[in-house]
Amino acid sequence: MTMLLFGLFFALMLLNVPIAFAIGASTLFALYQAGVPLMVVPQQMFQGINSFALVAIPMFILAGDLMAQGKVSEKLVSFADSLVGFMRGGLSLVSIMAGMFFAAISGSGAATTAAVGSSLVPELKRKGYDPASAASLIAASGTIGVVIPPSVPMIIYAVIAQQSVSKLFLNGFLPGLAMGLGLMAIAITQAYRRQYPKGTPLSWPVILRTFKDASWGLMTPVIILGGIFSGIFTPSEAAVVAVNYAIMVSLFVYRDLTIRNVYQLLIRSAMTTSVIMLVIAMSAVLSWTLSSWQVPGAIAQSVLSLSTDPYVIMLLIVAVILLTGVFIETASALIILTPVLLPLALQLGIDPIHFGLIIVVGLSIGMITPPVAINLYVASSVTQLPLERITQAIVPYLLGLIGVLLLVVYVPMWLGWSGG
């Protein structure tokens, strides 16, 4: 029955059936063939989305949309430019730093790519940067959007793995920072090789002025994460606070959105949320089915029979995560892989919080690996460049991010990390 389930699932995927329906149809057919009462399907669908933590997802999506559509992204770019723009190839570094700033607001890779790209692309073109390389760097920087908290994939993982969202958020900073530094190292190397120009001269008055202008946006992660880590409110409550703060800033401080704009963003965020929730509900049925048939345990035993070395097995797990990210978008891949790979990681003695960071960072890289490379599509749309050109230019940044992923996997293992 397991082969029937996965065979039908991949067949539907090849036919371009939406992921939620591919999961639901294949699982439903397999349960029917196994003689399982189908009443279990709606029960497990409801159980899968009946979590208070999931309330944070639509709220963080809406907060990110509100900030992305207004002047916040422009002001964050200006502040980043005042800090690192003076260096050779400074605008490349601005792309990455602005991406890190916006990542702490949006929780979405696509939103980060769109916000930073729309603000920086015209300037990058004007100063003679290679368009494809600049677009690929912006897309690569967008991957940090789901690693630096708040992070929608971390919330999904926490619900599936029954882990603390706050602990995942707290431990997400270092991997996100490592990704940013890795991309910066590659960008600086390319800037000297291609003789990119230096940018804005370093000026303390300019830094102070741009910091003041960007302070309303920079306060968003301070309020969200400060409130969570201090215990003032839960992650779900923090998401609601973030939406109210974003509306206040957009309507009354920067005055860059109207009530009509907010209404349109509400509709768009609701549509995005409905897709994610449908995938979560369908995947809950799949997870229950796999657990009932003891598939995760069988997979764990099969992998463990290949090697007893935890470093080798973790390398195999990383390969599976990266390969899955190539073909399936982040949220769906996370929901599918977590119930299968987490038991194996636990048998290896990997802390579930550490594994959560591994799978989120690994799947974030899938955002820049075609064919399902949402950040590349967004970058292509913003820059009006063919996807093929951006894909060719993404390779150095892709290798750099894979290197960071291996650090996230192995450094904590060497240190005997046991959670945060």
Protein backbone atom coordinates (compact mmCIF):
# COMPACT_ATOMS: atom_id res chain seq x y z
CA MET A 1 0.00 0.00 0.00
CA THR A 2 2.88 2.34 0.73
CA MET A 3 4.24 1.90 -2.80
CA LEU A 4 0.75 2.54 -4.20
CA LEU A 5 0.47 5.75 -2.15
CA PHE A 6 3.85 7.17 -3.19
CA GLY A 7 3.51 5.96 -6.79
CA LEU A 8 0.17 7.71 -7.23
CA PHE A 9 1.49 10.83 -5.47
CA PHE A 10 4.47 11.19 -7.82
CA ALA A 11 2.31 10.41 -10.84
CA LEU A 12 -0.06 13.24 -9.91
CA MET A 13 2.89 15.55 -9.32
CA LEU A 14 4.21 14.79 -12.82
CA LEU A 15 0.77 15.71 -14.17
CA ASN A 16 1.11 19.12 -12.46
CA VAL A 17 -1.75 18.46 -10.06
CA PRO A 18 -1.57 21.01 -7.19
CA ILE A 19 0.41 19.60 -4.27
CA ALA A 20 -2.50 19.63 -1.80
CA PHE A 21 -4.74 17.66 -4.16
CA ALA A 22 -1.91 15.28 -5.08
CA ILE A 23 -1.35 14.48 -1.40
CA GLY A 24 -5.07 14.21 -0.64
CA ALA A 25 -6.03 12.09 -3.64
CA SER A 26 -3.15 9.62 -3.31
CA THR A 27 -3.72 9.18 0.43
CA LEU A 28 -7.48 8.85 0.06
CA PHE A 29 -7.11 6.18 -2.65
CA ALA A 30 -4.53 4.23 -0.63
CA LEU A 31 -6.76 4.28 2.48
CA TYR A 32 -9.74 3.14 0.40
CA GLN A 33 -7.74 0.26 -1.07
CA ALA A 34 -6.56 -0.71 2.44
CA GLY A 35 -10.14 -0.82 3.71
CA VAL A 36 -9.66 1.98 6.23
CA PRO A 37 -12.91 3.86 7.11
CA LEU A 38 -12.73 7.15 5.19
CA MET A 39 -14.26 9.06 8.10
CA VAL A 40 -10.68 9.25 9.38
CA VAL A 41 -9.84 11.71 6.55
CA PRO A 42 -11.92 14.72 7.72
CA GLN A 43 -11.04 13.91 11.33
CA GLN A 44 -7.31 14.06 10.64
CA MET A 45 -7.68 17.12 8.40
CA PHE A 46 -9.34 19.00 11.23
CA GLN A 47 -6.83 17.71 13.76
CA GLY A 48 -3.96 18.86 11.55
CA ILE A 49 -5.03 22.50 11.52
CA ASN A 50 -6.54 22.58 15.02
CA SER A 51 -3.51 24.29 16.57
CA PHE A 52 -3.26 27.69 18.22
CA ALA A 53 0.29 28.09 16.93
CA LEU A 54 -0.98 28.05 13.33
CA VAL A 55 -2.85 31.31 13.98
CA ALA A 56 0.55 32.98 13.62
CA ILE A 57 0.89 31.98 9.95
CA PRO A 58 -1.79 34.22 8.36
CA MET A 59 -0.83 37.06 10.67
CA PHE A 60 2.90 36.98 9.82
CA ILE A 61 2.04 36.67 6.11
CA LEU A 62 -0.19 39.75 6.34
CA ALA A 63 2.37 41.73 8.37
CA GLY A 64 5.05 40.93 5.79
CA ASP A 65 2.77 41.96 2.91
CA LEU A 66 1.93 45.25 4.61
CA MET A 67 5.59 46.08 5.16
CA ALA A 68 6.64 44.95 1.67
CA GLN A 69 4.06 47.10 -0.13
CA GLY A 70 4.90 50.27 1.74
CA LYS A 71 8.00 52.41 2.14
CA VAL A 72 9.54 50.18 4.81
CA SER A 73 11.61 48.17 2.33
CA GLU A 74 12.97 51.35 0.68
CA LYS A 75 14.03 52.78 4.02
CA LEU A 76 15.67 49.50 5.08
CA VAL A 77 17.63 49.48 1.81
CA SER A 78 18.76 53.08 2.41
CA PHE A 79 19.92 52.22 5.93
CA ALA A 80 21.82 49.15 4.69
CA ASP A 81 23.41 51.31 1.97
CA SER A 82 24.65 53.80 4.55
CA LEU A 83 26.34 50.96 6.48
CA VAL A 84 28.06 48.91 3.75
CA GLY A 85 27.55 50.84 0.52
CA PHE A 86 31.01 52.44 0.70
CA MET A 87 32.76 49.13 -0.06
CA ARG A 88 33.61 47.88 -3.54
CA GLY A 89 30.49 46.19 -4.82
CA GLY A 90 28.68 47.81 -1.92
CA LEU A 91 25.25 47.48 -3.51
CA SER A 92 25.70 43.70 -3.56
CA LEU A 93 26.24 43.77 0.19
CA VAL A 94 23.29 46.14 0.56
CA SER A 95 21.11 43.51 -1.17
CA ILE A 96 22.12 40.92 1.41
CA MET A 97 21.91 43.16 4.47
CA ALA A 98 18.54 44.57 3.41
CA GLY A 99 17.38 40.99 2.90
CA MET A 100 18.43 40.14 6.44
CA PHE A 101 16.65 43.20 7.83
CA PHE A 102 13.46 42.39 5.95
CA ALA A 103 13.73 38.71 6.90
CA ALA A 104 13.26 39.78 10.51
CA ILE A 105 9.95 41.33 9.49
CA SER A 106 8.32 39.15 6.84
CA GLY A 107 9.01 35.47 7.58
CA SER A 108 8.72 34.82 3.83
CA GLY A 109 11.43 34.26 1.24
CA ALA A 110 9.35 35.45 -1.70
CA ALA A 111 8.27 38.63 0.11
CA THR A 112 11.89 39.38 1.03
CA THR A 113 13.04 38.88 -2.56
CA ALA A 114 10.26 41.08 -3.95
CA ALA A 115 10.72 43.88 -1.42
CA VAL A 116 14.50 44.11 -1.76
CA GLY A 117 14.53 43.51 -5.51
CA SER A 118 12.00 46.19 -6.38
CA SER A 119 13.98 48.73 -4.35
CA LEU A 120 17.49 47.84 -5.55
CA VAL A 121 17.27 46.54 -9.12
CA PRO A 122 17.08 49.96 -10.85
CA GLU A 123 20.12 51.22 -8.93
CA LEU A 124 22.09 48.03 -9.59
CA LYS A 125 21.45 48.34 -13.32
CA ARG A 126 22.37 52.04 -13.33
CA LYS A 127 25.74 51.40 -11.67
CA GLY A 128 26.79 48.70 -14.12
CA TYR A 129 26.29 45.52 -12.08
CA ASP A 130 25.80 42.33 -14.06
CA PRO A 131 21.97 42.10 -14.16
CA ALA A 132 21.76 38.30 -13.91
CA SER A 133 24.25 38.12 -11.05
CA ALA A 134 22.47 40.93 -9.18
CA ALA A 135 19.09 39.23 -9.62
CA SER A 136 20.47 35.87 -8.46
CA LEU A 137 22.04 37.48 -5.39
CA ILE A 138 18.73 39.10 -4.45
CA ALA A 139 16.99 35.73 -4.89
CA ALA A 140 19.66 34.00 -2.75
CA SER A 141 19.31 36.69 -0.07
CA GLY A 142 15.58 35.99 -0.01
CA THR A 143 16.25 32.48 1.33
CA ILE A 144 17.25 34.10 4.62
CA GLY A 145 13.64 35.29 4.92
CA VAL A 146 12.46 31.91 6.22
CA VAL A 147 15.43 31.32 8.54
CA ILE A 148 15.79 34.53 10.54
CA PRO A 149 12.69 34.68 12.77
CA PRO A 150 9.81 35.20 12.52
CA SER A 151 9.63 32.24 10.15
CA VAL A 152 6.48 30.60 8.79
CA PRO A 153 8.26 27.26 8.04
CA MET A 154 9.58 27.16 11.62
CA ILE A 155 6.02 27.52 12.91
CA ILE A 156 4.85 24.67 10.66
CA TYR A 157 7.73 22.45 11.81
CA ALA A 158 7.05 23.28 15.46
CA VAL A 159 3.41 22.21 15.10
CA ILE A 160 4.27 18.94 13.33
CA ALA A 161 7.18 18.04 15.62
CA GLN A 162 5.43 19.36 18.75
CA GLN A 163 8.34 21.65 19.58
CA SER A 164 8.59 25.17 20.97
CA VAL A 165 8.21 27.95 18.38
CA SER A 166 10.10 30.29 20.70
CA LYS A 167 13.11 27.94 20.89
CA LEU A 168 13.20 27.59 17.11
CA PHE A 169 13.03 31.37 16.70
CA LEU A 170 15.78 31.89 19.28
CA ASN A 171 18.11 29.43 17.56
CA GLY A 172 17.32 30.66 14.04
CA PHE A 173 19.43 33.80 14.28
CA LEU A 174 22.87 32.21 13.93
CA PRO A 175 22.06 30.10 10.83
CA GLY A 176 20.45 33.16 9.22
CA LEU A 177 23.48 35.29 10.06
CA ALA A 178 25.81 32.58 8.70
CA MET A 179 23.85 32.51 5.44
CA GLY A 180 24.17 36.29 5.14
CA LEU A 181 27.90 36.28 5.84
CA GLY A 182 28.48 33.44 3.38
CA LEU A 183 26.67 35.33 0.63
CA MET A 184 28.60 38.49 1.49
CA ALA A 185 31.93 36.69 1.13
CA ILE A 186 30.97 35.48 -2.34
CA ALA A 187 29.61 38.91 -3.32
CA ILE A 188 32.83 40.67 -2.26
CA THR A 189 34.93 38.18 -4.23
CA GLN A 190 32.84 38.77 -7.34
CA ALA A 191 32.93 42.55 -6.84
CA TYR A 192 36.75 42.62 -6.91
CA ARG A 193 36.92 40.20 -9.83
CA ARG A 194 34.47 42.26 -11.89
CA GLN A 195 35.70 45.63 -10.62
CA TYR A 196 32.33 46.82 -9.43
CA PRO A 197 32.27 50.47 -8.29
CA LYS A 198 32.32 51.66 -4.72
CA GLY A 199 29.05 53.13 -3.52
CA THR A 200 27.94 55.74 -1.03
CA PRO A 201 30.82 57.14 1.07
CA LEU A 202 30.68 56.24 4.75
CA SER A 203 29.09 59.08 6.71
CA TRP A 204 27.89 59.01 10.31
CA PRO A 205 25.27 61.74 9.73
CA VAL A 206 23.84 59.70 6.84
CA ILE A 207 23.84 56.54 8.97
CA LEU A 208 21.97 58.33 11.76
CA ARG A 209 19.48 59.89 9.33
CA THR A 210 18.72 56.63 7.51
CA PHE A 211 18.52 54.77 10.82
CA LYS A 212 15.96 57.28 12.04
CA ASP A 213 13.95 56.89 8.82
CA ALA A 214 14.08 53.08 9.03
CA SER A 215 13.53 52.87 12.79
CA TRP A 216 9.79 52.19 12.49
CA GLY A 217 10.51 49.14 10.33
CA LEU A 218 13.45 48.03 12.46
CA MET A 219 11.24 48.15 15.54
CA THR A 220 9.01 45.39 14.13
CA PRO A 221 11.35 42.46 14.94
CA VAL A 222 12.23 44.08 18.26
CA ILE A 223 8.58 44.16 19.26
CA ILE A 224 7.81 40.68 17.91
CA LEU A 225 10.84 38.80 19.18
CA GLY A 226 11.33 40.89 22.30
CA GLY A 227 7.75 40.17 23.32
CA ILE A 228 8.12 36.44 22.64
CA PHE A 229 11.43 35.92 24.40
CA SER A 230 10.45 38.08 27.38
CA GLY A 231 7.27 36.06 27.82
CA ILE A 232 4.94 39.02 27.30
CA PHE A 233 3.07 37.21 24.54
CA THR A 234 3.11 33.94 22.61
CA PRO A 235 4.27 33.69 18.97
CA SER A 236 0.64 33.69 17.81
CA GLU A 237 -0.14 36.79 19.85
CA ALA A 238 3.08 38.37 18.59
CA ALA A 239 1.90 37.85 15.01
CA VAL A 240 -1.32 39.74 15.73
CA VAL A 241 0.67 42.54 17.37
CA ALA A 242 2.89 42.65 14.26
CA VAL A 243 -0.15 43.12 11.99
CA ASN A 244 -1.55 45.94 14.10
CA TYR A 245 1.86 47.62 14.23
CA ALA A 246 2.32 47.25 10.44
CA ILE A 247 -1.11 48.79 9.78
CA MET A 248 -0.37 51.69 12.15
CA VAL A 249 3.01 52.41 10.54
CA SER A 250 1.71 52.10 6.97
CA LEU A 251 -1.44 54.19 7.45
CA PHE A 252 -0.42 56.82 9.98
CA VAL A 253 3.39 57.11 10.05
CA TYR A 254 4.63 56.61 6.48
CA ARG A 255 1.14 57.08 5.00
CA ASP A 256 2.08 54.97 2.00
CA LEU A 257 -1.00 52.70 2.05
CA THR A 258 -4.71 53.44 1.91
CA ILE A 259 -7.64 51.54 3.39
CA ARG A 260 -8.24 50.12 -0.09
CA ASN A 261 -4.63 48.88 -0.26
CA VAL A 262 -5.01 47.22 3.14
CA TYR A 263 -8.21 45.51 1.99
CA GLN A 264 -6.46 44.18 -1.13
CA LEU A 265 -3.57 42.88 0.97
CA LEU A 266 -6.05 41.18 3.32
CA ILE A 267 -7.54 39.32 0.35
CA ARG A 268 -4.12 38.34 -1.00
CA SER A 269 -2.86 37.16 2.39
CA ALA A 270 -6.06 35.16 2.94
CA MET A 271 -5.57 33.40 -0.41
CA THR A 272 -1.94 32.58 0.45
CA THR A 273 -2.98 31.30 3.87
CA SER A 274 -5.77 29.14 2.45
CA VAL A 275 -3.29 27.34 0.20
CA ILE A 276 -0.91 26.68 3.10
CA MET A 277 -3.70 25.50 5.41
CA LEU A 278 -5.10 23.14 2.77
CA VAL A 279 -1.64 21.61 2.31
CA ILE A 280 -1.28 21.24 6.10
CA ALA A 281 -4.71 19.60 6.40
CA MET A 282 -4.06 17.12 3.58
CA SER A 283 -0.58 16.38 4.87
CA ALA A 284 -1.98 15.62 8.31
CA VAL A 285 -3.90 12.72 6.74
CA LEU A 286 -0.73 11.56 4.98
CA SER A 287 1.27 11.76 8.22
CA TRP A 288 -1.36 9.76 10.10
CA THR A 289 -1.42 7.15 7.34
CA LEU A 290 2.36 6.77 7.28
CA SER A 291 2.51 6.55 11.07
CA SER A 292 -0.27 3.95 11.15
CA TRP A 293 1.61 1.84 8.63
CA GLN A 294 4.88 2.40 10.57
CA VAL A 295 6.58 3.77 7.46
CA PRO A 296 8.89 6.27 9.29
CA GLY A 297 10.25 3.50 11.48
CA ALA A 298 10.86 1.24 8.49
CA ILE A 299 12.65 4.04 6.63
CA ALA A 300 14.76 4.78 9.70
CA GLN A 301 15.80 1.16 10.01
CA SER A 302 16.60 0.94 6.28
CA VAL A 303 18.83 4.02 6.42
CA LEU A 304 20.53 2.88 9.63
CA SER A 305 21.35 -0.41 7.94
CA LEU A 306 23.40 1.48 5.35
CA SER A 307 25.77 2.94 7.92
CA THR A 308 26.19 3.31 11.65
CA ASP A 309 28.10 6.58 11.33
CA PRO A 310 25.76 9.47 12.27
CA TYR A 311 27.76 11.90 10.11
CA VAL A 312 27.24 9.75 7.01
CA ILE A 313 23.53 9.30 7.75
CA MET A 314 23.06 13.04 8.29
CA LEU A 315 24.73 13.63 4.91
CA LEU A 316 22.14 11.30 3.35
CA ILE A 317 19.36 13.19 5.13
CA VAL A 318 20.73 16.50 3.83
CA ALA A 319 20.78 15.08 0.30
CA VAL A 320 17.13 14.01 0.64
CA ILE A 321 16.14 17.46 1.95
CA LEU A 322 17.93 19.29 -0.87
CA LEU A 323 16.54 16.96 -3.54
CA THR A 324 13.01 17.35 -2.20
CA GLY A 325 13.38 21.13 -2.19
CA VAL A 326 14.16 21.02 -5.90
CA PHE A 327 10.74 19.56 -6.77
CA ILE A 328 8.38 20.59 -3.94
CA GLU A 329 7.84 24.04 -2.43
CA THR A 330 9.04 24.70 1.11
CA ALA A 331 5.88 24.35 3.22
CA SER A 332 4.72 21.20 1.43
CA ALA A 333 8.16 19.58 1.58
CA LEU A 334 8.42 20.41 5.28
CA ILE A 335 5.08 18.78 6.03
CA ILE A 336 5.95 15.68 4.02
CA LEU A 337 9.54 15.19 5.24
CA THR A 338 9.25 15.99 8.96
CA PRO A 339 7.21 12.90 10.01
CA VAL A 340 9.51 10.69 7.93
CA LEU A 341 12.96 12.08 8.81
CA LEU A 342 12.47 13.31 12.39
CA PRO A 343 12.26 9.80 13.92
CA LEU A 344 15.51 8.92 12.13
CA ALA A 345 17.20 12.06 13.44
CA LEU A 346 16.01 11.28 16.97
CA GLN A 347 17.52 7.78 16.73
CA LEU A 348 20.83 9.43 15.85
CA GLY A 349 20.59 11.58 18.97
CA ILE A 350 19.92 14.80 17.04
CA ASP A 351 17.99 17.35 19.09
CA PRO A 352 14.60 18.10 17.47
CA ILE A 353 15.26 21.85 17.59
CA HIS A 354 18.58 21.32 15.83
CA PHE A 355 16.88 19.13 13.23
CA GLY A 356 14.24 21.83 12.74
CA LEU A 357 16.98 24.31 11.84
CA ILE A 358 18.56 21.79 9.45
CA ILE A 359 15.36 21.08 7.56
CA VAL A 360 14.29 24.75 7.38
CA VAL A 361 17.70 25.90 6.12
CA GLY A 362 17.88 22.96 3.69
CA LEU A 363 14.44 23.60 2.25
CA SER A 364 15.07 27.35 2.05
CA ILE A 365 17.78 26.53 -0.50
CA GLY A 366 15.05 24.92 -2.61
CA MET A 367 13.72 28.43 -3.20
CA ILE A 368 16.58 28.99 -5.65
CA THR A 369 16.80 25.53 -7.26
CA PRO A 370 14.56 25.11 -10.34
CA PRO A 371 12.02 23.97 -11.29
CA VAL A 372 10.21 24.94 -8.06
CA ALA A 373 12.32 28.03 -7.28
CA ILE A 374 9.90 30.69 -6.07
CA ASN A 375 12.63 33.26 -5.35
CA LEU A 376 14.04 32.93 -8.86
CA TYR A 377 10.59 33.47 -10.37
CA VAL A 378 10.08 36.56 -8.21
CA ALA A 379 13.54 37.89 -9.13
CA SER A 380 12.83 37.23 -12.80
CA SER A 381 9.55 39.12 -12.55
CA VAL A 382 11.16 42.09 -10.77
CA THR A 383 14.16 42.33 -13.12
CA GLN A 384 12.43 41.25 -16.36
CA LEU A 385 15.31 38.83 -17.00
CA PRO A 386 14.83 35.30 -18.40
CA LEU A 387 14.83 32.62 -15.73
CA GLU A 388 17.61 30.75 -17.54
CA ARG A 389 20.08 33.64 -17.15
CA ILE A 390 19.36 34.01 -13.44
CA THR A 391 19.63 30.25 -12.91
CA GLN A 392 23.13 30.17 -14.44
CA ALA A 393 24.27 33.07 -12.23
CA ILE A 394 22.86 31.53 -9.03
CA VAL A 395 25.40 28.66 -8.89
CA PRO A 396 28.10 30.35 -6.70
CA TYR A 397 25.50 31.50 -4.18
CA LEU A 398 23.82 28.09 -4.20
CA LEU A 399 27.12 26.38 -3.37
CA GLY A 400 27.79 28.92 -0.62
CA LEU A 401 24.40 28.27 0.99
CA ILE A 402 24.94 24.50 0.83
CA GLY A 403 28.24 25.05 2.62
CA VAL A 404 26.41 26.97 5.35
CA LEU A 405 23.86 24.15 5.62
CA LEU A 406 26.66 21.64 6.24
CA LEU A 407 27.98 23.91 8.99
CA VAL A 408 24.51 24.00 10.56
CA VAL A 409 24.43 20.20 10.45
CA TYR A 410 27.91 19.26 11.61
CA VAL A 411 29.21 22.02 13.90
CA PRO A 412 26.43 21.50 16.51
CA MET A 413 26.95 17.72 16.19
CA TRP A 414 30.68 18.11 16.92
CA LEU A 415 29.86 20.36 19.86
CA GLY A 416 27.30 17.89 21.22
CA TRP A 417 24.53 20.50 21.00
CA SER A 418 21.41 19.52 22.91
CA GLY A 419 18.95 22.30 22.16
CA GLY A 420 18.50 25.88 23.16
